[in-house]
Amino acid sequence: MLPITDQVIDLINDRIQRMDEDQISKVWDAFAKEQPAVVGYVLGESRELKEPDAREDVAYVLTIILLSFREISPGIPAVTEPEFEKAFNEEFDEMEEVFNDGFDEADAMAIMDAFCQPDLLQFAAATIYSDGGDDGAGSNFTEEEAGLFIVIFKTVIGLLHKKSEILN
């Protein structure tokens, strides 16, 4: 599978910014049909977030991820619920082990750089940990929520990458 680069992410982001609500709605309807387990799990978990802006961030990141994979490798087979749950649990255990003694930025960067789609994972992390723009309000996520969604998005990206390799 080709890497999803920052240029692809920028292209997809540009496309999203030009969409109206109806177009976004159609894209999400297609996502729900193409990847129901992924969409259901991610959006289900996002309902638990304290900040409405965090839920919007999750939807935005998931949109970028799904459109990026569709751009690079159309027709990716659906991820099943058991596949997602197994991969998520493995990812969660691995991250818990790595960060058992606390968060270390060098370890986090090494994990992202070694990942199958580093630019896409870095994009997700940057969005989650964003400082909120000019108002400097900080991330829309609590530290615990941010960690959970990094694991969720790492799982989604890893599974879609693996599924896309089957096609090629």
Protein backbone atom coordinates (compact mmCIF):
# COMPACT_ATOMS: atom_id res chain seq x y z
CA MET A 1 0.00 0.00 0.00
CA LEU A 2 1.18 3.47 -0.80
CA PRO A 3 1.86 5.73 2.15
CA ILE A 4 -0.75 8.36 2.93
CA THR A 5 1.45 11.43 2.97
CA ASP A 6 0.87 14.91 4.35
CA GLN A 7 0.13 15.99 0.76
CA VAL A 8 -2.71 13.46 0.47
CA ILE A 9 -4.04 14.55 3.87
CA ASP A 10 -3.93 18.20 2.78
CA LEU A 11 -5.73 17.33 -0.47
CA ILE A 12 -8.47 15.49 1.45
CA ASN A 13 -8.74 18.30 3.99
CA ASP A 14 -9.12 20.80 1.16
CA ARG A 15 -11.87 18.69 -0.36
CA ILE A 16 -13.72 18.48 2.98
CA GLN A 17 -13.52 22.23 3.52
CA ARG A 18 -15.33 22.80 0.21
CA MET A 19 -18.16 20.38 0.99
CA ASP A 20 -21.57 21.53 2.13
CA GLU A 21 -23.63 19.70 4.77
CA ASP A 22 -25.47 17.60 2.20
CA GLN A 23 -22.22 16.39 0.64
CA ILE A 24 -20.75 15.58 4.07
CA SER A 25 -23.94 13.68 4.93
CA LYS A 26 -23.63 11.58 1.76
CA VAL A 27 -19.98 10.83 2.54
CA TRP A 28 -20.94 9.66 6.03
CA ASP A 29 -23.78 7.52 4.68
CA ALA A 30 -21.23 5.82 2.41
CA PHE A 31 -18.78 5.36 5.31
CA ALA A 32 -21.53 3.74 7.41
CA LYS A 33 -22.12 1.23 4.60
CA GLU A 34 -18.44 0.63 3.75
CA GLN A 35 -17.03 0.39 7.28
CA PRO A 36 -19.96 -0.04 9.70
CA ALA A 37 -17.92 -1.57 12.55
CA VAL A 38 -15.30 1.20 12.41
CA VAL A 39 -17.81 4.04 12.16
CA GLY A 40 -20.05 2.53 14.84
CA TYR A 41 -17.24 1.97 17.31
CA VAL A 42 -15.49 5.31 16.85
CA LEU A 43 -18.66 7.41 16.91
CA GLY A 44 -20.03 5.34 19.80
CA GLU A 45 -16.91 6.04 21.86
CA SER A 46 -17.03 9.73 20.92
CA ARG A 47 -20.45 10.07 22.57
CA GLU A 48 -18.68 9.63 25.91
CA LEU A 49 -16.46 12.68 25.36
CA LYS A 50 -17.07 15.62 27.67
CA GLU A 51 -16.56 18.37 25.10
CA PRO A 52 -18.79 18.70 22.01
CA ASP A 53 -15.75 20.10 20.16
CA ALA A 54 -13.90 16.86 20.91
CA ARG A 55 -16.71 14.88 19.24
CA GLU A 56 -16.36 17.14 16.19
CA ASP A 57 -12.60 16.55 16.19
CA VAL A 58 -13.18 12.78 16.23
CA ALA A 59 -15.60 12.97 13.30
CA TYR A 60 -13.16 15.20 11.40
CA VAL A 61 -10.17 12.89 11.97
CA LEU A 62 -12.20 9.81 11.04
CA THR A 63 -13.38 11.57 7.87
CA ILE A 64 -9.78 12.36 6.90
CA ILE A 65 -8.70 8.76 7.61
CA LEU A 66 -11.52 7.13 5.66
CA LEU A 67 -11.30 9.50 2.68
CA SER A 68 -7.51 9.14 2.59
CA PHE A 69 -7.74 5.36 2.39
CA ARG A 70 -10.49 5.61 -0.20
CA GLU A 71 -8.26 7.94 -2.26
CA ILE A 72 -5.22 5.63 -2.14
CA SER A 73 -6.95 2.25 -2.18
CA PRO A 74 -10.65 2.26 -3.12
CA GLY A 75 -12.80 -0.73 -2.23
CA ILE A 76 -11.14 -1.76 1.03
CA PRO A 77 -12.97 -4.74 2.56
CA ALA A 78 -14.97 -3.92 5.69
CA VAL A 79 -13.34 -4.36 9.07
CA THR A 80 -15.47 -6.68 11.21
CA GLU A 81 -16.38 -6.04 14.83
CA PRO A 82 -14.30 -9.03 16.07
CA GLU A 83 -11.29 -7.84 14.02
CA PHE A 84 -11.64 -4.35 15.44
CA GLU A 85 -12.06 -5.50 19.04
CA LYS A 86 -9.09 -7.87 18.85
CA ALA A 87 -6.82 -5.26 17.23
CA PHE A 88 -7.97 -2.53 19.64
CA ASN A 89 -7.29 -4.69 22.70
CA GLU A 90 -3.83 -5.61 21.41
CA GLU A 91 -3.07 -1.96 20.63
CA PHE A 92 -4.36 -0.81 24.01
CA ASP A 93 -2.25 -3.38 25.87
CA GLU A 94 0.85 -2.40 23.87
CA MET A 95 0.37 1.31 24.53
CA GLU A 96 -0.34 0.69 28.21
CA GLU A 97 2.91 -1.26 28.49
CA VAL A 98 4.96 1.39 26.66
CA PHE A 99 3.55 4.27 28.72
CA ASN A 100 3.25 2.37 32.01
CA ASP A 101 5.65 4.77 33.73
CA GLY A 102 4.02 7.85 32.21
CA PHE A 103 3.95 9.60 28.86
CA ASP A 104 7.27 10.01 27.12
CA GLU A 105 7.24 12.15 23.98
CA ALA A 106 10.32 10.43 22.53
CA ASP A 107 8.63 7.03 22.87
CA ALA A 108 5.45 8.41 21.30
CA MET A 109 7.34 9.85 18.32
CA ALA A 110 9.26 6.59 17.83
CA ILE A 111 5.98 4.65 17.78
CA MET A 112 4.47 7.03 15.23
CA ASP A 113 7.56 7.04 13.01
CA ALA A 114 7.65 3.23 12.94
CA PHE A 115 3.92 2.92 12.20
CA CYS A 116 2.64 1.76 8.79
CA GLN A 117 1.05 5.17 8.08
CA PRO A 118 3.06 7.64 10.20
CA ASP A 119 1.77 10.87 8.59
CA LEU A 120 -1.85 9.88 9.12
CA LEU A 121 -1.26 8.90 12.76
CA GLN A 122 0.68 12.13 13.36
CA PHE A 123 -2.22 14.08 11.85
CA ALA A 124 -4.66 12.36 14.24
CA ALA A 125 -2.40 13.04 17.22
CA ALA A 126 -1.86 16.67 16.23
CA THR A 127 -5.62 17.21 15.96
CA ILE A 128 -6.30 15.54 19.30
CA TYR A 129 -3.54 17.44 21.10
CA SER A 130 -4.15 20.72 19.30
CA ASP A 131 -4.05 23.79 21.51
CA GLY A 132 -7.40 25.04 20.27
CA GLY A 133 -6.07 27.76 17.97
CA ASP A 134 -5.69 31.44 18.76
CA ASP A 135 -7.62 31.35 22.02
CA GLY A 136 -5.06 28.93 23.49
CA ALA A 137 -7.81 26.98 25.23
CA GLY A 138 -5.87 23.73 24.95
CA SER A 139 -6.96 20.37 23.65
CA ASN A 140 -10.66 19.51 23.54
CA PHE A 141 -9.77 16.14 25.11
CA THR A 142 -8.85 15.20 28.65
CA GLU A 143 -5.53 13.37 28.89
CA GLU A 144 -7.35 10.04 29.31
CA GLU A 145 -9.66 10.71 26.34
CA ALA A 146 -6.72 11.76 24.17
CA GLY A 147 -4.85 8.56 24.95
CA LEU A 148 -7.91 6.44 24.21
CA PHE A 149 -8.54 8.11 20.86
CA ILE A 150 -4.90 7.82 19.82
CA VAL A 151 -5.24 4.06 20.39
CA ILE A 152 -8.58 3.98 18.56
CA PHE A 153 -7.26 5.88 15.53
CA LYS A 154 -4.04 3.83 15.50
CA THR A 155 -6.22 0.71 15.44
CA VAL A 156 -8.43 2.06 12.63
CA ILE A 157 -5.47 3.13 10.50
CA GLY A 158 -3.60 -0.13 11.08
CA LEU A 159 -6.61 -2.26 10.17
CA LEU A 160 -7.46 -0.25 7.05
CA HIS A 161 -3.82 -0.40 5.99
CA LYS A 162 -3.78 -4.18 6.47
CA LYS A 163 -7.08 -4.60 4.59
CA SER A 164 -5.85 -2.41 1.73
CA GLU A 165 -2.73 -4.55 1.33
CA ILE A 166 -4.99 -7.51 0.58
CA LEU A 167 -6.24 -5.62 -2.49
CA ASN A 168 -2.78 -4.87 -3.86
